[in-house]
Amino acid sequence: MPGTGLDLKELGADPAALGPVGKKRAEDDPLKVIEGCRHPVIAAVNGVAVTGGFEIALACDILLASTTARFADTHARVGVLPGWGLSQKLPRIIGPSRAKEMSFSGRFIDAGMAEAWGLVSHVVAPEALLGEAIALGTDIAEADPVFLQNLKRLIDDGLGGTLANGRALETTRSAEWNRAQTPQALEARLENVFARGRKEEA
């Protein structure tokens, strides 16, 4: 998913393209669509993800990258403040110092650096990227979809507050979910876990 996001040529010709502050329509924000998805969203970055495209990648649950991927935040060079969450998400993912380095300088980082900084989960050859994304998605899809929706929401809601609030949220929601489980269902799922482990060891 190479991308640059905001059309700077359109902005130069029509400053109103940014829209009044605080009056953007929800449907104009692609991140709302991604973040509102109940299922896990995997980004497979094969090329350059810059500024708005970078923000879209950050909205996904899991980032994979090919060895040719590069990432940059050029908001400072263009003179437009981030509006799709980059200023808040990037520091939480790679730390404030590294995030400020990227955002203040506009420098690109390559896939290896992105992996070392924890920005992406895995780096693979370009020809293997799609297969890796599909394989990961297949593994994820083996879990109960309703459970995944609840787990994703728990993680995201927890990250929206303090650690203490997140822990309290986890305690409440886990108690509600776990009370609804039956010993038979849990035993069957556990056996599936063991069977999968034995298959991977073979």
C-alpha atoms as a PDB file:
ATOM      1  CA  MET A   1       0.000   0.000   0.000  1.00  0.00           C
ATOM      2  CA  PRO A   2       2.162   2.889  -1.196  1.00  0.00           C
ATOM      3  CA  GLY A   3       0.502   6.224  -0.511  1.00  0.00           C
ATOM      4  CA  THR A   4       0.908   9.888   0.197  1.00  0.00           C
ATOM      5  CA  GLY A   5      -2.568  10.837   1.423  1.00  0.00           C
ATOM      6  CA  LEU A   6      -3.470  14.507   1.047  1.00  0.00           C
ATOM      7  CA  ASP A   7      -3.420  15.820  -2.520  1.00  0.00           C
ATOM      8  CA  LEU A   8      -1.006  18.731  -2.103  1.00  0.00           C
ATOM      9  CA  LYS A   9      -1.627  19.983  -5.644  1.00  0.00           C
ATOM     10  CA  GLU A  10      -5.321  20.258  -4.876  1.00  0.00           C
ATOM     11  CA  LEU A  11      -4.499  22.031  -1.619  1.00  0.00           C
ATOM     12  CA  GLY A  12      -2.254  24.519  -3.409  1.00  0.00           C
ATOM     13  CA  ALA A  13      -5.008  25.339  -5.891  1.00  0.00           C
ATOM     14  CA  ASP A  14      -7.789  25.383  -3.328  1.00  0.00           C
ATOM     15  CA  PRO A  15      -6.887  26.031   0.327  1.00  0.00           C
ATOM     16  CA  ALA A  16     -10.483  25.150   1.219  1.00  0.00           C
ATOM     17  CA  ALA A  17      -9.585  21.529   0.419  1.00  0.00           C
ATOM     18  CA  LEU A  18      -8.496  21.135   4.016  1.00  0.00           C
ATOM     19  CA  GLY A  19     -11.963  22.141   5.166  1.00  0.00           C
ATOM     20  CA  PRO A  20     -12.879  24.268   8.186  1.00  0.00           C
ATOM     21  CA  VAL A  21     -11.205  23.153  11.373  1.00  0.00           C
ATOM     22  CA  GLY A  22     -13.489  20.860  13.315  1.00  0.00           C
ATOM     23  CA  LYS A  23     -16.069  20.676  10.501  1.00  0.00           C
ATOM     24  CA  LYS A  24     -14.793  17.783   8.423  1.00  0.00           C
ATOM     25  CA  ARG A  25     -17.416  15.190   7.645  1.00  0.00           C
ATOM     26  CA  ALA A  26     -16.845  11.747   9.147  1.00  0.00           C
ATOM     27  CA  GLU A  27     -17.034  10.169   5.703  1.00  0.00           C
ATOM     28  CA  ASP A  28     -14.119  12.377   4.573  1.00  0.00           C
ATOM     29  CA  ASP A  29     -11.806  10.745   7.125  1.00  0.00           C
ATOM     30  CA  PRO A  30     -10.550   7.369   5.831  1.00  0.00           C
ATOM     31  CA  LEU A  31      -9.121   6.572   9.242  1.00  0.00           C
ATOM     32  CA  LYS A  32     -12.599   6.451  10.732  1.00  0.00           C
ATOM     33  CA  VAL A  33     -13.455   3.711   8.257  1.00  0.00           C
ATOM     34  CA  ILE A  34     -10.329   1.698   9.104  1.00  0.00           C
ATOM     35  CA  GLU A  35     -10.544   2.226  12.854  1.00  0.00           C
ATOM     36  CA  GLY A  36     -14.273   1.479  12.812  1.00  0.00           C
ATOM     37  CA  CYS A  37     -13.740  -1.919  11.190  1.00  0.00           C
ATOM     38  CA  ARG A  38     -14.677  -4.616  13.697  1.00  0.00           C
ATOM     39  CA  HIS A  39     -12.183  -7.061  12.222  1.00  0.00           C
ATOM     40  CA  PRO A  40      -8.362  -6.862  12.353  1.00  0.00           C
ATOM     41  CA  VAL A  41      -6.889  -4.789   9.517  1.00  0.00           C
ATOM     42  CA  ILE A  42      -3.453  -5.687   8.118  1.00  0.00           C
ATOM     43  CA  ALA A  43      -1.389  -3.143   6.184  1.00  0.00           C
ATOM     44  CA  ALA A  44       1.103  -4.541   3.675  1.00  0.00           C
ATOM     45  CA  VAL A  45       3.447  -1.686   2.759  1.00  0.00           C
ATOM     46  CA  ASN A  46       5.366  -2.285  -0.446  1.00  0.00           C
ATOM     47  CA  GLY A  47       6.906   1.040  -1.425  1.00  0.00           C
ATOM     48  CA  VAL A  48       6.688   4.492   0.077  1.00  0.00           C
ATOM     49  CA  ALA A  49       4.229   5.504   2.820  1.00  0.00           C
ATOM     50  CA  VAL A  50       4.513   9.251   3.300  1.00  0.00           C
ATOM     51  CA  THR A  51       2.538  11.698   5.435  1.00  0.00           C
ATOM     52  CA  GLY A  52      -1.173  10.967   4.792  1.00  0.00           C
ATOM     53  CA  GLY A  53      -0.356   7.500   3.482  1.00  0.00           C
ATOM     54  CA  PHE A  54       1.738   6.967   6.592  1.00  0.00           C
ATOM     55  CA  GLU A  55      -1.217   8.006   8.748  1.00  0.00           C
ATOM     56  CA  ILE A  56      -3.441   5.490   6.972  1.00  0.00           C
ATOM     57  CA  ALA A  57      -0.887   2.744   7.635  1.00  0.00           C
ATOM     58  CA  LEU A  58      -0.780   3.708  11.316  1.00  0.00           C
ATOM     59  CA  ALA A  59      -4.556   3.316  11.519  1.00  0.00           C
ATOM     60  CA  CYS A  60      -4.250  -0.395  10.717  1.00  0.00           C
ATOM     61  CA  ASP A  61      -3.928  -3.016  13.433  1.00  0.00           C
ATOM     62  CA  ILE A  62      -0.819  -4.726  12.069  1.00  0.00           C
ATOM     63  CA  LEU A  63       1.853  -3.404   9.704  1.00  0.00           C
ATOM     64  CA  LEU A  64       3.907  -5.648   7.447  1.00  0.00           C
ATOM     65  CA  ALA A  65       6.529  -4.272   5.076  1.00  0.00           C
ATOM     66  CA  SER A  66       8.649  -5.376   2.167  1.00  0.00           C
ATOM     67  CA  THR A  67      12.362  -4.654   2.074  1.00  0.00           C
ATOM     68  CA  THR A  68      11.634  -1.800  -0.358  1.00  0.00           C
ATOM     69  CA  ALA A  69       9.261   0.006   2.029  1.00  0.00           C
ATOM     70  CA  ARG A  70      10.116   3.466   3.322  1.00  0.00           C
ATOM     71  CA  PHE A  71       8.260   5.714   5.742  1.00  0.00           C
ATOM     72  CA  ALA A  72       8.322   9.480   6.282  1.00  0.00           C
ATOM     73  CA  ASP A  73       6.317  12.245   7.894  1.00  0.00           C
ATOM     74  CA  THR A  74       6.694  15.394   5.792  1.00  0.00           C
ATOM     75  CA  HIS A  75       4.036  17.509   7.503  1.00  0.00           C
ATOM     76  CA  ALA A  76       6.709  19.896   8.822  1.00  0.00           C
ATOM     77  CA  ARG A  77       8.217  20.374   5.377  1.00  0.00           C
ATOM     78  CA  VAL A  78       4.836  21.087   3.817  1.00  0.00           C
ATOM     79  CA  GLY A  79       3.605  23.202   6.731  1.00  0.00           C
ATOM     80  CA  VAL A  80       0.366  21.283   7.357  1.00  0.00           C
ATOM     81  CA  LEU A  81      -0.406  19.893  10.820  1.00  0.00           C
ATOM     82  CA  PRO A  82      -1.391  16.210  10.963  1.00  0.00           C
ATOM     83  CA  GLY A  83      -5.126  15.641  11.105  1.00  0.00           C
ATOM     84  CA  TRP A  84      -5.452  11.874  10.885  1.00  0.00           C
ATOM     85  CA  GLY A  85      -3.816  10.875  14.150  1.00  0.00           C
ATOM     86  CA  LEU A  86      -0.107  10.734  13.310  1.00  0.00           C
ATOM     87  CA  SER A  87       0.972  13.162  16.036  1.00  0.00           C
ATOM     88  CA  GLN A  88      -0.681  10.975  18.664  1.00  0.00           C
ATOM     89  CA  LYS A  89      -0.200   7.463  17.334  1.00  0.00           C
ATOM     90  CA  LEU A  90       3.403   7.569  16.154  1.00  0.00           C
ATOM     91  CA  PRO A  91       4.869   8.542  19.584  1.00  0.00           C
ATOM     92  CA  ARG A  92       2.879   5.767  21.214  1.00  0.00           C
ATOM     93  CA  ILE A  93       4.257   3.203  18.760  1.00  0.00           C
ATOM     94  CA  ILE A  94       7.941   4.117  18.435  1.00  0.00           C
ATOM     95  CA  GLY A  95       8.412   6.489  21.389  1.00  0.00           C
ATOM     96  CA  PRO A  96       8.351  10.308  21.603  1.00  0.00           C
ATOM     97  CA  SER A  97      11.998  10.910  20.692  1.00  0.00           C
ATOM     98  CA  ARG A  98      11.957   8.823  17.523  1.00  0.00           C
ATOM     99  CA  ALA A  99       8.552  10.158  16.522  1.00  0.00           C
ATOM    100  CA  LYS A 100       9.749  13.748  16.921  1.00  0.00           C
ATOM    101  CA  GLU A 101      12.875  12.948  14.941  1.00  0.00           C
ATOM    102  CA  MET A 102      10.759  11.671  12.062  1.00  0.00           C
ATOM    103  CA  SER A 103       8.192  14.465  12.222  1.00  0.00           C
ATOM    104  CA  PHE A 104      10.572  17.384  12.778  1.00  0.00           C
ATOM    105  CA  SER A 105      13.131  16.325  10.164  1.00  0.00           C
ATOM    106  CA  GLY A 106      10.954  14.737   7.482  1.00  0.00           C
ATOM    107  CA  ARG A 107      13.633  12.088   7.034  1.00  0.00           C
ATOM    108  CA  PHE A 108      12.759   8.707   5.558  1.00  0.00           C
ATOM    109  CA  ILE A 109      13.372   5.501   7.461  1.00  0.00           C
ATOM    110  CA  ASP A 110      13.767   2.192   5.651  1.00  0.00           C
ATOM    111  CA  ALA A 111      12.024  -1.087   6.404  1.00  0.00           C
ATOM    112  CA  GLY A 112      14.856  -2.374   8.593  1.00  0.00           C
ATOM    113  CA  MET A 113      14.760   0.699  10.793  1.00  0.00           C
ATOM    114  CA  ALA A 114      10.970   0.552  10.924  1.00  0.00           C
ATOM    115  CA  GLU A 115      11.171  -3.019  12.171  1.00  0.00           C
ATOM    116  CA  ALA A 116      13.895  -2.185  14.719  1.00  0.00           C
ATOM    117  CA  TRP A 117      11.774   0.687  16.057  1.00  0.00           C
ATOM    118  CA  GLY A 118       8.673  -1.487  16.349  1.00  0.00           C
ATOM    119  CA  LEU A 119       6.772   0.347  13.635  1.00  0.00           C
ATOM    120  CA  VAL A 120       6.247  -2.809  11.555  1.00  0.00           C
ATOM    121  CA  SER A 121       5.911  -6.398  12.710  1.00  0.00           C
ATOM    122  CA  HIS A 122       7.798  -8.155   9.921  1.00  0.00           C
ATOM    123  CA  VAL A 123       9.901  -7.311   6.881  1.00  0.00           C
ATOM    124  CA  VAL A 124       9.931  -9.705   3.942  1.00  0.00           C
ATOM    125  CA  ALA A 125      10.989  -9.710   0.298  1.00  0.00           C
ATOM    126  CA  PRO A 126       8.593  -7.797  -1.988  1.00  0.00           C
ATOM    127  CA  GLU A 127       7.447 -10.962  -3.736  1.00  0.00           C
ATOM    128  CA  ALA A 128       6.625 -12.579  -0.376  1.00  0.00           C
ATOM    129  CA  LEU A 129       4.717  -9.651   1.136  1.00  0.00           C
ATOM    130  CA  LEU A 130       1.217 -10.468  -0.102  1.00  0.00           C
ATOM    131  CA  GLY A 131       1.616 -14.131   0.800  1.00  0.00           C
ATOM    132  CA  GLU A 132       2.780 -13.187   4.291  1.00  0.00           C
ATOM    133  CA  ALA A 133      -0.227 -10.901   4.758  1.00  0.00           C
ATOM    134  CA  ILE A 134      -2.620 -13.604   3.558  1.00  0.00           C
ATOM    135  CA  ALA A 135      -1.008 -16.244   5.785  1.00  0.00           C
ATOM    136  CA  LEU A 136      -1.254 -13.972   8.805  1.00  0.00           C
ATOM    137  CA  GLY A 137      -4.852 -13.119   7.981  1.00  0.00           C
ATOM    138  CA  THR A 138      -5.636 -16.832   7.643  1.00  0.00           C
ATOM    139  CA  ASP A 139      -4.171 -17.559  11.075  1.00  0.00           C
ATOM    140  CA  ILE A 140      -6.157 -14.703  12.594  1.00  0.00           C
ATOM    141  CA  ALA A 141      -9.353 -15.859  10.887  1.00  0.00           C
ATOM    142  CA  GLU A 142      -9.119 -19.216  12.667  1.00  0.00           C
ATOM    143  CA  ALA A 143     -10.113 -17.514  15.924  1.00  0.00           C
ATOM    144  CA  ASP A 144     -13.751 -16.917  16.819  1.00  0.00           C
ATOM    145  CA  PRO A 145     -14.761 -13.684  15.017  1.00  0.00           C
ATOM    146  CA  VAL A 146     -16.883 -12.392  17.902  1.00  0.00           C
ATOM    147  CA  PHE A 147     -14.009 -12.971  20.308  1.00  0.00           C
ATOM    148  CA  LEU A 148     -11.621 -11.135  17.970  1.00  0.00           C
ATOM    149  CA  GLN A 149     -13.976  -8.180  17.767  1.00  0.00           C
ATOM    150  CA  ASN A 150     -14.119  -7.988  21.549  1.00  0.00           C
ATOM    151  CA  LEU A 151     -10.359  -8.357  21.927  1.00  0.00           C
ATOM    152  CA  LYS A 152      -9.627  -5.694  19.321  1.00  0.00           C
ATOM    153  CA  ARG A 153     -12.059  -3.297  20.957  1.00  0.00           C
ATOM    154  CA  LEU A 154     -10.559  -4.003  24.389  1.00  0.00           C
ATOM    155  CA  ILE A 155      -7.026  -3.225  23.168  1.00  0.00           C
ATOM    156  CA  ASP A 156      -8.055  -0.082  21.284  1.00  0.00           C
ATOM    157  CA  ASP A 157     -10.267   1.247  24.070  1.00  0.00           C
ATOM    158  CA  GLY A 158      -7.532   0.586  26.608  1.00  0.00           C
ATOM    159  CA  LEU A 159      -4.936   2.430  24.534  1.00  0.00           C
ATOM    160  CA  GLY A 160      -7.251   5.432  24.469  1.00  0.00           C
ATOM    161  CA  GLY A 161      -6.771   6.003  28.207  1.00  0.00           C
ATOM    162  CA  THR A 162      -4.251   5.456  30.959  1.00  0.00           C
ATOM    163  CA  LEU A 163      -2.750   2.086  31.838  1.00  0.00           C
ATOM    164  CA  ALA A 164      -4.755   2.045  35.081  1.00  0.00           C
ATOM    165  CA  ASN A 165      -7.998   2.714  33.209  1.00  0.00           C
ATOM    166  CA  GLY A 166      -7.099   0.050  30.672  1.00  0.00           C
ATOM    167  CA  ARG A 167      -6.486  -2.505  33.408  1.00  0.00           C
ATOM    168  CA  ALA A 168      -9.835  -1.702  35.001  1.00  0.00           C
ATOM    169  CA  LEU A 169     -11.515  -2.034  31.622  1.00  0.00           C
ATOM    170  CA  GLU A 170      -9.844  -5.405  31.060  1.00  0.00           C
ATOM    171  CA  THR A 171     -10.977  -6.677  34.450  1.00  0.00           C
ATOM    172  CA  THR A 172     -14.584  -5.729  33.776  1.00  0.00           C
ATOM    173  CA  ARG A 173     -14.818  -7.005  30.225  1.00  0.00           C
ATOM    174  CA  SER A 174     -12.895 -10.228  30.833  1.00  0.00           C
ATOM    175  CA  ALA A 175     -15.190 -11.097  33.734  1.00  0.00           C
ATOM    176  CA  GLU A 176     -18.255 -10.537  31.551  1.00  0.00           C
ATOM    177  CA  TRP A 177     -16.887 -12.556  28.633  1.00  0.00           C
ATOM    178  CA  ASN A 178     -15.392 -15.411  30.644  1.00  0.00           C
ATOM    179  CA  ARG A 179     -18.565 -15.930  32.680  1.00  0.00           C
ATOM    180  CA  ALA A 180     -20.408 -16.654  29.445  1.00  0.00           C
ATOM    181  CA  GLN A 181     -18.016 -19.459  28.404  1.00  0.00           C
ATOM    182  CA  THR A 182     -18.763 -23.122  29.049  1.00  0.00           C
ATOM    183  CA  PRO A 183     -16.163 -25.663  30.203  1.00  0.00           C
ATOM    184  CA  GLN A 184     -16.958 -27.807  27.166  1.00  0.00           C
ATOM    185  CA  ALA A 185     -16.295 -24.975  24.709  1.00  0.00           C
ATOM    186  CA  LEU A 186     -13.062 -24.015  26.448  1.00  0.00           C
ATOM    187  CA  GLU A 187     -11.870 -27.634  26.465  1.00  0.00           C
ATOM    188  CA  ALA A 188     -12.572 -27.971  22.730  1.00  0.00           C
ATOM    189  CA  ARG A 189     -10.680 -24.776  21.928  1.00  0.00           C
ATOM    190  CA  LEU A 190      -7.766 -25.862  24.103  1.00  0.00           C
ATOM    191  CA  GLU A 191      -7.558 -29.149  22.230  1.00  0.00           C
ATOM    192  CA  ASN A 192      -7.460 -27.209  18.960  1.00  0.00           C
ATOM    193  CA  VAL A 193      -4.527 -25.194  20.318  1.00  0.00           C
ATOM    194  CA  PHE A 194      -2.664 -28.385  21.235  1.00  0.00           C
ATOM    195  CA  ALA A 195      -3.438 -29.937  17.835  1.00  0.00           C
ATOM    196  CA  ARG A 196      -2.131 -26.889  16.038  1.00  0.00           C
ATOM    197  CA  GLY A 197       1.041 -26.940  18.140  1.00  0.00           C
ATOM    198  CA  ARG A 198       1.639 -30.583  17.304  1.00  0.00           C
ATOM    199  CA  LYS A 199       1.087 -29.844  13.600  1.00  0.00           C
ATOM    200  CA  GLU A 200       3.606 -26.977  13.615  1.00  0.00           C
ATOM    201  CA  GLU A 201       6.196 -29.141  15.389  1.00  0.00           C
ATOM    202  CA  ALA A 202       5.867 -31.923  12.836  1.00  0.00           C
END
